[in-house]
């Protein structure tokens, strides 16, 4: 069974990564494969109450791969981690089968929840580089999370979510139907970074005007 699971994992990398030349190369050189193998071992110890040993293995994996998966997280089959550096997966996170994670992804919590604190990722989900999925909700099967999106609420199956905070912009490859779009503004999505920059520019403009006014008063 273990040999079959490993073979499935290596085949998944070959399908998803056009740069992969052979299963041997993937097995020996891909940090995502090593991170998953370490996690399987750590999770075994975690389930049997050997928490220190589980955490020691996961921290060793983090140092070796740059990928941090808490030993309590539940990981499905054929998880492909592309590049992987900076990925963080929290203790109560659940990841389904055939998921693809790019570098810099966080499956984390908000600090406000108890018990189940981290997201549940359905099967065949793609999470783009730098995306943050924060909280104990579900991202449905076959969904896509865009790079650098910050997801703070549930994403239904077969959807594409984009932005900060993330908004659903596609359902089954199409724009959302009217009743769904009524609850999700697809156009006027607030971007806190843009708002902060605009406020700074306005403040700078006000300061420049004030300096010009004082200069005129001194030379008058």
N, C-alpha and C. Protein backbone atom coordinates (compact mmCIF):
# COMPACT_ATOMS: atom_id res chain seq x y z
N UNK A 1 0.83 -1.21 0.00
CA UNK A 1 0.00 0.00 0.00
C UNK A 1 0.87 1.26 0.00
N UNK A 2 1.93 1.27 0.85
CA UNK A 2 2.80 2.44 0.91
C UNK A 2 3.47 2.68 -0.44
N UNK A 3 3.85 1.59 -1.11
CA UNK A 3 4.50 1.73 -2.40
C UNK A 3 3.52 2.29 -3.43
N UNK A 4 2.26 1.89 -3.35
CA UNK A 4 1.24 2.40 -4.26
C UNK A 4 0.99 3.89 -4.02
N UNK A 5 0.90 4.30 -2.75
CA UNK A 5 0.69 5.71 -2.43
C UNK A 5 1.84 6.56 -2.94
N UNK A 6 3.07 6.09 -2.76
CA UNK A 6 4.23 6.84 -3.24
C UNK A 6 4.23 6.90 -4.76
N UNK A 7 3.90 5.79 -5.41
CA UNK A 7 3.84 5.79 -6.87
C UNK A 7 2.79 6.76 -7.38
N UNK A 8 1.62 6.79 -6.72
CA UNK A 8 0.57 7.75 -7.09
C UNK A 8 1.06 9.18 -6.96
N UNK A 9 1.80 9.45 -5.87
CA UNK A 9 2.30 10.79 -5.63
C UNK A 9 3.29 11.21 -6.71
N UNK A 10 4.20 10.33 -7.06
CA UNK A 10 5.20 10.67 -8.08
C UNK A 10 4.55 10.86 -9.45
N UNK A 11 3.55 10.05 -9.76
CA UNK A 11 2.82 10.21 -11.02
C UNK A 11 2.08 11.54 -11.06
N UNK A 12 1.53 11.96 -9.91
CA UNK A 12 0.84 13.25 -9.84
C UNK A 12 1.79 14.40 -10.14
N UNK A 13 3.02 14.32 -9.64
CA UNK A 13 4.02 15.35 -9.94
C UNK A 13 4.36 15.35 -11.43
N UNK A 14 4.47 14.17 -12.02
CA UNK A 14 4.78 14.10 -13.45
C UNK A 14 3.67 14.73 -14.29
N UNK A 15 2.43 14.53 -13.87
CA UNK A 15 1.31 15.10 -14.63
C UNK A 15 1.26 16.62 -14.51
N UNK A 16 1.57 17.13 -13.34
CA UNK A 16 1.36 18.56 -13.07
C UNK A 16 2.58 19.43 -13.33
N UNK A 17 3.77 18.83 -13.33
CA UNK A 17 4.99 19.63 -13.49
C UNK A 17 5.68 19.26 -14.80
N UNK A 18 5.60 20.13 -15.81
CA UNK A 18 6.23 19.82 -17.10
C UNK A 18 7.75 19.74 -17.02
N UNK A 19 8.34 20.26 -15.95
CA UNK A 19 9.79 20.20 -15.80
C UNK A 19 10.27 18.87 -15.22
N UNK A 20 9.34 18.05 -14.73
CA UNK A 20 9.73 16.78 -14.12
C UNK A 20 10.14 15.78 -15.19
N UNK A 21 11.33 15.24 -15.08
CA UNK A 21 11.87 14.34 -16.11
C UNK A 21 11.66 12.87 -15.77
N UNK A 22 11.72 12.53 -14.50
CA UNK A 22 11.58 11.13 -14.14
C UNK A 22 11.10 11.02 -12.70
N UNK A 23 10.55 9.85 -12.35
CA UNK A 23 10.11 9.63 -10.98
C UNK A 23 11.29 9.63 -10.02
N UNK A 24 12.44 9.13 -10.47
CA UNK A 24 13.62 9.13 -9.61
C UNK A 24 14.04 10.55 -9.27
N UNK A 25 14.04 11.44 -10.27
CA UNK A 25 14.39 12.84 -10.03
C UNK A 25 13.41 13.45 -9.04
N UNK A 26 12.13 13.19 -9.23
CA UNK A 26 11.11 13.75 -8.33
C UNK A 26 11.31 13.25 -6.91
N UNK A 27 11.53 11.96 -6.78
CA UNK A 27 11.69 11.36 -5.45
C UNK A 27 12.91 11.90 -4.73
N UNK A 28 14.01 12.09 -5.43
CA UNK A 28 15.26 12.49 -4.80
C UNK A 28 15.38 14.00 -4.59
N UNK A 29 14.77 14.80 -5.48
CA UNK A 29 15.09 16.23 -5.52
C UNK A 29 13.92 17.17 -5.22
N UNK A 30 12.70 16.68 -5.16
CA UNK A 30 11.55 17.58 -4.98
C UNK A 30 11.20 17.71 -3.50
N UNK A 31 11.34 18.92 -2.93
CA UNK A 31 11.07 19.09 -1.49
C UNK A 31 9.61 18.82 -1.11
N UNK A 32 8.68 19.04 -2.05
CA UNK A 32 7.29 18.76 -1.74
C UNK A 32 7.04 17.30 -1.45
N UNK A 33 7.71 16.42 -2.18
CA UNK A 33 7.59 14.98 -1.95
C UNK A 33 8.14 14.64 -0.57
N UNK A 34 9.32 15.20 -0.25
CA UNK A 34 9.93 14.93 1.05
C UNK A 34 9.04 15.43 2.19
N UNK A 35 8.43 16.61 2.01
CA UNK A 35 7.57 17.18 3.05
C UNK A 35 6.36 16.28 3.31
N UNK A 36 5.78 15.73 2.26
CA UNK A 36 4.62 14.84 2.42
C UNK A 36 5.03 13.55 3.11
N UNK A 37 6.17 12.98 2.73
CA UNK A 37 6.64 11.75 3.37
C UNK A 37 6.91 11.99 4.86
N UNK A 38 7.61 13.07 5.17
CA UNK A 38 7.84 13.40 6.58
C UNK A 38 6.51 13.56 7.32
N UNK A 39 5.55 14.20 6.66
CA UNK A 39 4.27 14.44 7.32
C UNK A 39 3.54 13.13 7.61
N UNK A 40 3.59 12.18 6.69
CA UNK A 40 2.93 10.90 6.93
C UNK A 40 3.47 10.26 8.21
N UNK A 41 4.79 10.34 8.39
CA UNK A 41 5.41 9.75 9.58
C UNK A 41 5.01 10.54 10.83
N UNK A 42 5.11 11.88 10.74
CA UNK A 42 4.77 12.72 11.89
C UNK A 42 3.31 12.55 12.28
N UNK A 43 2.44 12.45 11.28
CA UNK A 43 1.00 12.31 11.56
C UNK A 43 0.70 10.98 12.25
N UNK A 44 1.44 9.93 11.91
CA UNK A 44 1.28 8.64 12.57
C UNK A 44 1.56 8.78 14.06
N UNK A 45 2.68 9.42 14.40
CA UNK A 45 3.02 9.61 15.80
C UNK A 45 1.99 10.52 16.50
N UNK A 46 1.52 11.54 15.78
CA UNK A 46 0.54 12.46 16.36
C UNK A 46 -0.75 11.73 16.72
N UNK A 47 -1.23 10.88 15.82
CA UNK A 47 -2.47 10.13 16.06
C UNK A 47 -2.34 9.15 17.22
N UNK A 48 -1.13 8.72 17.50
CA UNK A 48 -0.92 7.78 18.59
C UNK A 48 -0.44 8.45 19.87
N UNK A 49 -0.54 9.78 19.92
CA UNK A 49 -0.26 10.51 21.14
C UNK A 49 1.20 10.82 21.40
N UNK A 50 2.08 10.55 20.46
CA UNK A 50 3.50 10.86 20.60
C UNK A 50 3.74 12.27 20.04
N UNK A 51 3.22 13.27 20.75
CA UNK A 51 3.18 14.61 20.20
C UNK A 51 4.57 15.24 20.06
N UNK A 52 5.45 15.00 21.02
CA UNK A 52 6.79 15.58 20.92
C UNK A 52 7.53 15.01 19.71
N UNK A 53 7.48 13.69 19.55
CA UNK A 53 8.15 13.06 18.42
C UNK A 53 7.56 13.56 17.10
N UNK A 54 6.22 13.67 17.06
CA UNK A 54 5.55 14.16 15.85
C UNK A 54 6.03 15.56 15.50
N UNK A 55 6.11 16.42 16.50
CA UNK A 55 6.52 17.80 16.25
C UNK A 55 8.00 17.88 15.88
N UNK A 56 8.81 17.02 16.48
CA UNK A 56 10.24 17.00 16.15
C UNK A 56 10.43 16.66 14.68
N UNK A 57 9.69 15.66 14.20
CA UNK A 57 9.80 15.26 12.79
C UNK A 57 9.34 16.39 11.89
N UNK A 58 8.23 17.03 12.24
CA UNK A 58 7.71 18.12 11.39
C UNK A 58 8.67 19.30 11.36
N UNK A 59 9.32 19.60 12.48
CA UNK A 59 10.29 20.70 12.49
C UNK A 59 11.55 20.34 11.70
N UNK A 60 11.95 19.08 11.77
CA UNK A 60 13.07 18.62 10.94
C UNK A 60 12.72 18.77 9.46
N UNK A 61 11.49 18.40 9.11
CA UNK A 61 11.03 18.54 7.73
C UNK A 61 11.05 20.01 7.31
N UNK A 62 10.63 20.89 8.20
CA UNK A 62 10.60 22.33 7.90
C UNK A 62 12.00 22.84 7.57
N UNK A 63 12.99 22.41 8.36
CA UNK A 63 14.36 22.84 8.11
C UNK A 63 14.89 22.30 6.79
N UNK A 64 14.53 21.09 6.44
CA UNK A 64 15.03 20.45 5.23
C UNK A 64 14.35 20.96 3.97
N UNK A 65 13.04 21.28 4.06
CA UNK A 65 12.26 21.56 2.85
C UNK A 65 11.76 22.99 2.74
N UNK A 66 11.72 23.74 3.86
CA UNK A 66 11.11 25.07 3.83
C UNK A 66 9.60 25.03 3.85
N UNK A 67 9.03 23.84 4.09
CA UNK A 67 7.58 23.64 4.11
C UNK A 67 7.18 23.20 5.51
N UNK A 68 6.23 23.91 6.12
CA UNK A 68 5.83 23.60 7.49
C UNK A 68 4.40 23.05 7.50
N UNK A 69 4.27 21.76 7.77
CA UNK A 69 2.97 21.11 7.89
C UNK A 69 2.86 20.58 9.31
N UNK A 70 1.91 21.08 10.06
CA UNK A 70 1.73 20.61 11.43
C UNK A 70 1.36 19.13 11.40
N UNK A 71 1.92 18.32 12.31
CA UNK A 71 1.64 16.88 12.29
C UNK A 71 0.18 16.54 12.51
N UNK A 72 -0.60 17.46 13.06
CA UNK A 72 -2.02 17.20 13.25
C UNK A 72 -2.86 17.38 12.00
N UNK A 73 -2.32 18.05 10.99
CA UNK A 73 -3.08 18.29 9.75
C UNK A 73 -3.38 16.98 9.04
N UNK A 74 -4.52 16.95 8.37
CA UNK A 74 -4.93 15.76 7.61
C UNK A 74 -4.71 16.03 6.13
N UNK A 75 -3.89 15.21 5.49
CA UNK A 75 -3.50 15.41 4.10
C UNK A 75 -4.00 14.23 3.27
N UNK A 76 -4.69 14.52 2.17
CA UNK A 76 -5.19 13.48 1.28
C UNK A 76 -4.11 12.93 0.36
N UNK A 77 -4.55 12.19 -0.62
CA UNK A 77 -3.61 11.55 -1.55
C UNK A 77 -3.22 12.51 -2.67
N UNK A 78 -2.01 12.29 -3.18
CA UNK A 78 -1.50 12.98 -4.37
C UNK A 78 -1.45 14.50 -4.21
N UNK A 79 -1.07 14.95 -3.01
CA UNK A 79 -0.85 16.38 -2.80
C UNK A 79 0.43 16.79 -3.52
N UNK A 80 0.31 17.73 -4.45
CA UNK A 80 1.47 18.24 -5.17
C UNK A 80 1.81 19.63 -4.64
N UNK A 81 3.04 19.79 -4.19
CA UNK A 81 3.54 21.07 -3.68
C UNK A 81 4.59 21.56 -4.66
N UNK A 82 4.25 22.58 -5.44
CA UNK A 82 5.15 23.09 -6.48
C UNK A 82 6.08 24.14 -5.87
N UNK A 83 7.37 23.90 -5.92
CA UNK A 83 8.40 24.74 -5.28
C UNK A 83 8.29 24.62 -3.76
N UNK A 84 7.24 25.19 -3.19
CA UNK A 84 6.91 24.88 -1.80
C UNK A 84 7.46 25.81 -0.74
N UNK A 85 8.51 26.54 -1.00
CA UNK A 85 9.13 27.36 0.04
C UNK A 85 8.10 28.30 0.67
N UNK A 86 8.06 28.29 2.01
CA UNK A 86 7.18 29.21 2.73
C UNK A 86 5.77 28.73 2.94
N UNK A 87 5.43 27.52 2.54
CA UNK A 87 4.09 26.98 2.77
C UNK A 87 3.92 26.66 4.25
N UNK A 88 2.75 27.02 4.81
CA UNK A 88 2.41 26.72 6.20
C UNK A 88 1.02 26.10 6.23
N UNK A 89 0.90 24.94 6.89
CA UNK A 89 -0.38 24.25 7.02
C UNK A 89 -0.63 24.01 8.51
N UNK A 90 -1.74 24.56 9.02
CA UNK A 90 -2.03 24.51 10.45
C UNK A 90 -2.51 23.17 10.96
N UNK A 91 -2.60 23.07 12.28
CA UNK A 91 -2.88 21.80 12.96
C UNK A 91 -4.21 21.18 12.57
N UNK A 92 -5.26 21.96 12.46
CA UNK A 92 -6.59 21.40 12.18
C UNK A 92 -6.98 21.54 10.71
N UNK A 93 -6.01 21.88 9.86
CA UNK A 93 -6.29 21.95 8.43
C UNK A 93 -6.54 20.55 7.87
N UNK A 94 -7.42 20.49 6.87
CA UNK A 94 -7.69 19.25 6.15
C UNK A 94 -7.54 19.51 4.66
N UNK A 95 -6.81 18.66 3.99
CA UNK A 95 -6.55 18.82 2.56
C UNK A 95 -7.01 17.55 1.85
N UNK A 96 -7.85 17.72 0.82
CA UNK A 96 -8.39 16.57 0.10
C UNK A 96 -7.40 15.97 -0.88
N UNK A 97 -7.91 15.15 -1.78
CA UNK A 97 -7.07 14.47 -2.77
C UNK A 97 -6.80 15.39 -3.97
N UNK A 98 -5.65 15.17 -4.60
CA UNK A 98 -5.30 15.84 -5.87
C UNK A 98 -5.28 17.36 -5.76
N UNK A 99 -4.79 17.85 -4.63
CA UNK A 99 -4.67 19.30 -4.41
C UNK A 99 -3.29 19.76 -4.89
N UNK A 100 -3.24 20.98 -5.44
CA UNK A 100 -1.99 21.58 -5.89
C UNK A 100 -1.76 22.88 -5.12
N UNK A 101 -0.65 22.96 -4.38
CA UNK A 101 -0.29 24.15 -3.63
C UNK A 101 1.00 24.74 -4.20
N UNK A 102 1.00 26.04 -4.42
CA UNK A 102 2.21 26.72 -4.86
C UNK A 102 2.91 27.37 -3.66
N UNK A 103 4.09 27.91 -3.90
CA UNK A 103 4.91 28.45 -2.82
C UNK A 103 4.22 29.59 -2.10
N UNK A 104 4.52 29.70 -0.81
CA UNK A 104 4.02 30.83 -0.03
C UNK A 104 2.59 30.70 0.44
N UNK A 105 1.94 29.58 0.23
CA UNK A 105 0.54 29.39 0.64
C UNK A 105 0.46 29.19 2.15
N UNK A 106 -0.56 29.79 2.77
CA UNK A 106 -0.84 29.57 4.18
C UNK A 106 -2.25 29.04 4.35
N UNK A 107 -2.37 27.90 4.99
CA UNK A 107 -3.67 27.37 5.43
C UNK A 107 -3.70 27.56 6.94
N UNK A 108 -4.13 28.73 7.37
CA UNK A 108 -3.97 29.13 8.76
C UNK A 108 -5.26 29.50 9.45
N UNK A 109 -5.11 30.06 10.64
CA UNK A 109 -6.24 30.52 11.43
C UNK A 109 -6.22 32.02 11.61
N UNK A 110 -7.28 32.52 12.22
CA UNK A 110 -7.39 33.96 12.47
C UNK A 110 -7.05 34.32 13.91
N UNK A 111 -6.90 33.32 14.77
CA UNK A 111 -6.66 33.57 16.18
C UNK A 111 -7.93 33.77 16.98
N UNK A 112 -9.09 33.72 16.31
CA UNK A 112 -10.37 33.96 16.99
C UNK A 112 -11.12 32.67 17.30
N UNK A 113 -10.72 31.56 16.68
CA UNK A 113 -11.49 30.33 16.79
C UNK A 113 -10.83 29.34 17.74
N UNK A 114 -11.65 28.47 18.32
CA UNK A 114 -11.18 27.39 19.17
C UNK A 114 -11.50 26.06 18.50
N UNK A 115 -10.76 25.03 18.86
CA UNK A 115 -11.02 23.72 18.27
C UNK A 115 -10.59 23.70 16.81
N UNK A 116 -11.56 23.55 15.92
CA UNK A 116 -11.28 23.60 14.48
C UNK A 116 -10.96 25.04 14.11
N UNK A 117 -9.70 25.30 13.77
CA UNK A 117 -9.24 26.67 13.56
C UNK A 117 -8.79 26.95 12.13
N UNK A 118 -8.57 25.89 11.36
CA UNK A 118 -7.96 26.03 10.05
C UNK A 118 -8.89 25.51 8.95
N UNK A 119 -8.62 25.87 7.71
CA UNK A 119 -9.57 25.54 6.63
C UNK A 119 -9.56 24.07 6.24
N UNK A 120 -10.65 23.69 5.59
CA UNK A 120 -10.77 22.38 4.94
C UNK A 120 -10.75 22.61 3.44
N UNK A 121 -9.79 22.01 2.77
CA UNK A 121 -9.61 22.18 1.33
C UNK A 121 -10.14 20.92 0.65
N UNK A 122 -11.10 21.09 -0.26
CA UNK A 122 -11.68 19.95 -0.96
C UNK A 122 -10.71 19.32 -1.93
N UNK A 123 -11.20 18.36 -2.69
CA UNK A 123 -10.36 17.66 -3.66
C UNK A 123 -10.22 18.45 -4.96
N UNK A 124 -9.08 18.25 -5.62
CA UNK A 124 -8.80 18.87 -6.92
C UNK A 124 -8.87 20.40 -6.85
N UNK A 125 -8.34 20.95 -5.78
CA UNK A 125 -8.29 22.40 -5.58
C UNK A 125 -6.88 22.89 -5.92
N UNK A 126 -6.80 24.04 -6.57
CA UNK A 126 -5.52 24.70 -6.85
C UNK A 126 -5.45 25.97 -6.03
N UNK A 127 -4.34 26.14 -5.30
CA UNK A 127 -4.13 27.35 -4.50
C UNK A 127 -2.87 28.03 -5.00
N UNK A 128 -3.02 29.24 -5.55
CA UNK A 128 -1.92 29.95 -6.17
C UNK A 128 -0.89 30.48 -5.19
N UNK A 129 0.27 30.84 -5.69
CA UNK A 129 1.38 31.26 -4.85
C UNK A 129 1.01 32.49 -4.01
N UNK A 130 1.39 32.43 -2.74
CA UNK A 130 1.16 33.54 -1.84
C UNK A 130 -0.24 33.66 -1.28
N UNK A 131 -1.14 32.78 -1.66
CA UNK A 131 -2.53 32.86 -1.18
C UNK A 131 -2.60 32.51 0.29
N UNK A 132 -3.52 33.17 1.00
CA UNK A 132 -3.74 32.92 2.42
C UNK A 132 -5.20 32.51 2.61
N UNK A 133 -5.42 31.34 3.17
CA UNK A 133 -6.77 30.85 3.46
C UNK A 133 -6.85 30.72 4.97
N UNK A 134 -7.65 31.59 5.61
CA UNK A 134 -7.59 31.75 7.06
C UNK A 134 -8.96 31.55 7.69
N UNK A 135 -9.09 30.48 8.48
CA UNK A 135 -10.32 30.25 9.21
C UNK A 135 -10.87 28.85 9.01
N UNK A 136 -11.83 28.44 9.84
CA UNK A 136 -12.35 27.06 9.83
C UNK A 136 -13.51 26.85 8.87
N UNK A 137 -13.35 27.21 7.62
CA UNK A 137 -14.40 27.03 6.62
C UNK A 137 -13.89 26.12 5.51
N UNK A 138 -14.74 25.86 4.53
CA UNK A 138 -14.38 24.92 3.47
C UNK A 138 -14.17 25.64 2.13
N UNK A 139 -13.18 25.17 1.41
CA UNK A 139 -13.00 25.53 0.00
C UNK A 139 -13.43 24.31 -0.80
N UNK A 140 -14.49 24.46 -1.59
CA UNK A 140 -15.13 23.33 -2.24
C UNK A 140 -14.28 22.65 -3.30
N UNK A 141 -14.67 21.44 -3.65
CA UNK A 141 -13.97 20.66 -4.67
C UNK A 141 -13.85 21.44 -5.98
N UNK A 142 -12.74 21.23 -6.66
CA UNK A 142 -12.50 21.77 -8.01
C UNK A 142 -12.40 23.29 -8.06
N UNK A 143 -12.20 23.93 -6.92
CA UNK A 143 -12.11 25.38 -6.91
C UNK A 143 -10.68 25.85 -7.14
N UNK A 144 -10.54 27.13 -7.48
CA UNK A 144 -9.24 27.74 -7.76
C UNK A 144 -9.12 29.01 -6.93
N UNK A 145 -8.00 29.12 -6.21
CA UNK A 145 -7.71 30.32 -5.42
C UNK A 145 -6.55 31.03 -6.10
N UNK A 146 -6.77 32.27 -6.49
CA UNK A 146 -5.76 33.02 -7.24
C UNK A 146 -4.55 33.36 -6.38
N UNK A 147 -3.43 33.61 -7.05
CA UNK A 147 -2.20 34.00 -6.35
C UNK A 147 -2.44 35.25 -5.51
N UNK A 148 -1.92 35.23 -4.28
CA UNK A 148 -1.97 36.35 -3.33
C UNK A 148 -3.37 36.69 -2.84
N UNK A 149 -4.35 35.86 -3.14
CA UNK A 149 -5.69 36.08 -2.59
C UNK A 149 -5.67 35.83 -1.09
N UNK A 150 -6.56 36.53 -0.38
CA UNK A 150 -6.75 36.30 1.06
C UNK A 150 -8.20 35.85 1.25
N UNK A 151 -8.36 34.57 1.54
CA UNK A 151 -9.70 33.97 1.63
C UNK A 151 -10.11 33.91 3.09
N UNK A 152 -11.23 34.54 3.42
CA UNK A 152 -11.69 34.64 4.80
C UNK A 152 -13.06 34.02 5.01
N UNK A 153 -13.65 33.46 3.96
CA UNK A 153 -14.96 32.82 4.08
C UNK A 153 -15.07 31.70 3.06
N UNK A 154 -16.11 30.91 3.20
CA UNK A 154 -16.27 29.70 2.39
C UNK A 154 -16.28 29.99 0.89
N UNK A 155 -15.65 29.09 0.14
CA UNK A 155 -15.68 29.14 -1.31
C UNK A 155 -16.43 27.90 -1.80
N UNK A 156 -17.52 28.05 -2.53
CA UNK A 156 -18.29 26.89 -3.00
C UNK A 156 -17.50 26.05 -4.00
N UNK A 157 -17.96 24.85 -4.29
CA UNK A 157 -17.27 24.01 -5.28
C UNK A 157 -17.27 24.66 -6.66
N UNK A 158 -16.26 24.32 -7.46
CA UNK A 158 -16.17 24.73 -8.87
C UNK A 158 -16.12 26.25 -9.05
N UNK A 159 -15.51 26.95 -8.10
CA UNK A 159 -15.44 28.40 -8.16
C UNK A 159 -14.00 28.89 -8.25
N UNK A 160 -13.86 30.13 -8.71
CA UNK A 160 -12.57 30.81 -8.72
C UNK A 160 -12.69 32.03 -7.83
N UNK A 161 -11.76 32.16 -6.86
CA UNK A 161 -11.77 33.29 -5.93
C UNK A 161 -10.51 34.11 -6.13
N UNK A 162 -10.69 35.44 -6.15
CA UNK A 162 -9.60 36.37 -6.46
C UNK A 162 -9.70 37.57 -5.52
N UNK A 163 -8.54 38.10 -5.11
CA UNK A 163 -8.53 39.41 -4.46
C UNK A 163 -8.28 39.39 -2.97
N UNK A 164 -8.28 40.61 -2.39
CA UNK A 164 -8.07 40.83 -0.96
C UNK A 164 -9.15 41.77 -0.45
N UNK A 165 -10.12 41.30 0.32
CA UNK A 165 -10.39 39.90 0.60
C UNK A 165 -10.92 39.20 -0.65
N UNK A 166 -10.76 37.89 -0.72
CA UNK A 166 -11.12 37.15 -1.93
C UNK A 166 -12.62 37.19 -2.19
N UNK A 167 -12.96 37.32 -3.47
CA UNK A 167 -14.34 37.29 -3.93
C UNK A 167 -14.46 36.25 -5.05
N UNK A 168 -15.59 35.60 -5.11
CA UNK A 168 -15.82 34.62 -6.17
C UNK A 168 -16.12 35.34 -7.47
N UNK A 169 -15.32 35.08 -8.50
CA UNK A 169 -15.50 35.73 -9.79
C UNK A 169 -15.90 34.77 -10.90
N UNK A 170 -15.83 33.47 -10.63
CA UNK A 170 -16.26 32.46 -11.59
C UNK A 170 -16.92 31.30 -10.87
N UNK A 171 -18.03 30.81 -11.42
CA UNK A 171 -18.69 29.59 -10.96
C UNK A 171 -18.87 28.69 -12.16
N UNK A 172 -18.25 27.51 -12.11
CA UNK A 172 -18.28 26.60 -13.26
C UNK A 172 -17.76 27.27 -14.53
N UNK A 173 -16.77 28.14 -14.35
CA UNK A 173 -16.15 28.81 -15.49
C UNK A 173 -16.90 30.02 -15.99
N UNK A 174 -18.02 30.35 -15.38
CA UNK A 174 -18.83 31.49 -15.82
C UNK A 174 -18.94 32.50 -14.69
N UNK A 175 -19.34 33.74 -15.04
CA UNK A 175 -19.61 34.73 -14.01
C UNK A 175 -20.77 34.24 -13.14
N UNK A 176 -20.77 34.60 -11.84
CA UNK A 176 -21.82 34.10 -10.95
C UNK A 176 -23.21 34.51 -11.40
N UNK A 177 -24.20 33.64 -11.12
CA UNK A 177 -25.59 33.95 -11.44
C UNK A 177 -26.06 35.09 -10.55
N UNK A 178 -27.18 35.70 -10.91
CA UNK A 178 -27.61 36.94 -10.27
C UNK A 178 -27.82 36.79 -8.77
N UNK A 179 -28.47 35.69 -8.34
CA UNK A 179 -28.77 35.58 -6.92
C UNK A 179 -27.52 35.41 -6.08
N UNK A 180 -26.49 34.78 -6.66
CA UNK A 180 -25.24 34.67 -5.93
C UNK A 180 -24.49 35.99 -5.98
N UNK A 181 -24.51 36.64 -7.12
CA UNK A 181 -23.78 37.91 -7.27
C UNK A 181 -24.36 38.99 -6.37
N UNK A 182 -25.66 38.88 -6.00
CA UNK A 182 -26.25 39.87 -5.12
C UNK A 182 -25.54 39.90 -3.77
N UNK A 183 -24.98 38.75 -3.36
CA UNK A 183 -24.31 38.68 -2.08
C UNK A 183 -22.82 38.92 -2.18
N UNK A 184 -22.29 38.94 -3.39
CA UNK A 184 -20.85 39.12 -3.59
C UNK A 184 -20.65 40.19 -4.66
N UNK A 185 -20.11 41.32 -4.26
CA UNK A 185 -19.85 42.41 -5.19
C UNK A 185 -18.65 42.05 -6.05
N UNK A 186 -18.86 41.85 -7.34
CA UNK A 186 -17.78 41.41 -8.22
C UNK A 186 -16.95 42.57 -8.77
N UNK A 187 -17.46 43.81 -8.61
CA UNK A 187 -16.79 44.96 -9.21
C UNK A 187 -16.13 45.83 -8.16
N UNK A 188 -16.92 46.24 -7.16
CA UNK A 188 -16.42 47.18 -6.17
C UNK A 188 -15.80 46.42 -4.99
N UNK A 189 -14.73 45.73 -5.26
CA UNK A 189 -14.03 44.97 -4.23
C UNK A 189 -13.00 45.88 -3.56
N UNK A 190 -13.11 46.04 -2.26
CA UNK A 190 -12.19 46.91 -1.54
C UNK A 190 -10.81 46.27 -1.48
N UNK A 191 -9.82 47.07 -1.75
CA UNK A 191 -8.42 46.64 -1.65
C UNK A 191 -7.77 47.48 -0.57
N UNK A 192 -7.50 46.91 0.63
CA UNK A 192 -6.97 47.73 1.73
C UNK A 192 -5.61 48.33 1.43
N UNK A 193 -4.79 47.64 0.65
CA UNK A 193 -3.48 48.19 0.30
C UNK A 193 -3.64 49.43 -0.56
N UNK A 194 -4.53 49.35 -1.57
CA UNK A 194 -4.77 50.50 -2.43
C UNK A 194 -5.34 51.67 -1.63
N UNK A 195 -6.24 51.37 -0.68
CA UNK A 195 -6.82 52.43 0.13
C UNK A 195 -5.76 53.12 0.98
N UNK A 196 -4.83 52.33 1.55
CA UNK A 196 -3.76 52.93 2.35
C UNK A 196 -2.86 53.82 1.50
N UNK A 197 -2.52 53.35 0.29
CA UNK A 197 -1.69 54.16 -0.61
C UNK A 197 -2.39 55.46 -1.00
N UNK A 198 -3.69 55.37 -1.29
CA UNK A 198 -4.44 56.57 -1.65
C UNK A 198 -4.46 57.57 -0.49
N UNK A 199 -4.63 57.06 0.74
CA UNK A 199 -4.63 57.94 1.90
C UNK A 199 -3.27 58.61 2.08
N UNK A 200 -2.19 57.86 1.84
CA UNK A 200 -0.85 58.43 1.95
C UNK A 200 -0.62 59.52 0.91
N UNK A 201 -1.05 59.26 -0.34
CA UNK A 201 -0.90 60.26 -1.39
C UNK A 201 -1.69 61.53 -1.05
N UNK A 202 -2.89 61.36 -0.53
CA UNK A 202 -3.71 62.52 -0.16
C UNK A 202 -3.04 63.32 0.96
N UNK A 203 -2.45 62.59 1.92
CA UNK A 203 -1.76 63.26 3.01
C UNK A 203 -0.54 64.02 2.51
N UNK A 204 0.23 63.41 1.60
CA UNK A 204 1.40 64.08 1.03
C UNK A 204 1.00 65.33 0.26
N UNK A 205 -0.09 65.22 -0.48
CA UNK A 205 -0.56 66.38 -1.23
C UNK A 205 -0.95 67.51 -0.30
N UNK A 206 -1.62 67.16 0.82
CA UNK A 206 -2.02 68.18 1.79
C UNK A 206 -0.80 68.84 2.42
N UNK A 207 0.22 68.03 2.72
CA UNK A 207 1.44 68.58 3.31
C UNK A 207 2.16 69.50 2.33
N UNK A 208 2.19 69.13 1.04
CA UNK A 208 2.83 69.98 0.03
C UNK A 208 2.10 71.31 -0.08
N UNK A 209 0.78 71.27 -0.05
CA UNK A 209 0.01 72.52 -0.12
C UNK A 209 0.27 73.40 1.09
N UNK A 210 0.39 72.75 2.27
CA UNK A 210 0.66 73.51 3.49
C UNK A 210 2.05 74.15 3.44
N UNK A 211 3.04 73.44 2.93
CA UNK A 211 4.40 73.99 2.81
C UNK A 211 4.43 75.17 1.84
N UNK A 212 3.71 75.06 0.70
CA UNK A 212 3.65 76.16 -0.25
C UNK A 212 2.99 77.40 0.37
N UNK A 213 1.96 77.15 1.18
CA UNK A 213 1.27 78.28 1.83
C UNK A 213 2.17 78.98 2.81
N UNK A 214 2.92 78.20 3.62
CA UNK A 214 3.84 78.80 4.58
C UNK A 214 4.97 79.55 3.89
N UNK A 215 5.46 79.03 2.77
CA UNK A 215 6.53 79.69 2.02
C UNK A 215 6.07 81.03 1.48
N UNK A 216 4.83 81.08 0.96
CA UNK A 216 4.29 82.34 0.47
C UNK A 216 4.14 83.36 1.60
N UNK A 217 3.72 82.89 2.79
CA UNK A 217 3.53 83.79 3.93
C UNK A 217 4.87 84.39 4.39
N UNK A 218 5.95 83.56 4.34
CA UNK A 218 7.26 84.06 4.76
C UNK A 218 7.84 85.08 3.77
N UNK A 219 7.54 84.90 2.49
CA UNK A 219 8.11 85.80 1.47
C UNK A 219 7.23 87.02 1.22
N UNK A 220 6.04 87.03 1.82
CA UNK A 220 5.13 88.17 1.61
C UNK A 220 5.59 89.40 2.38
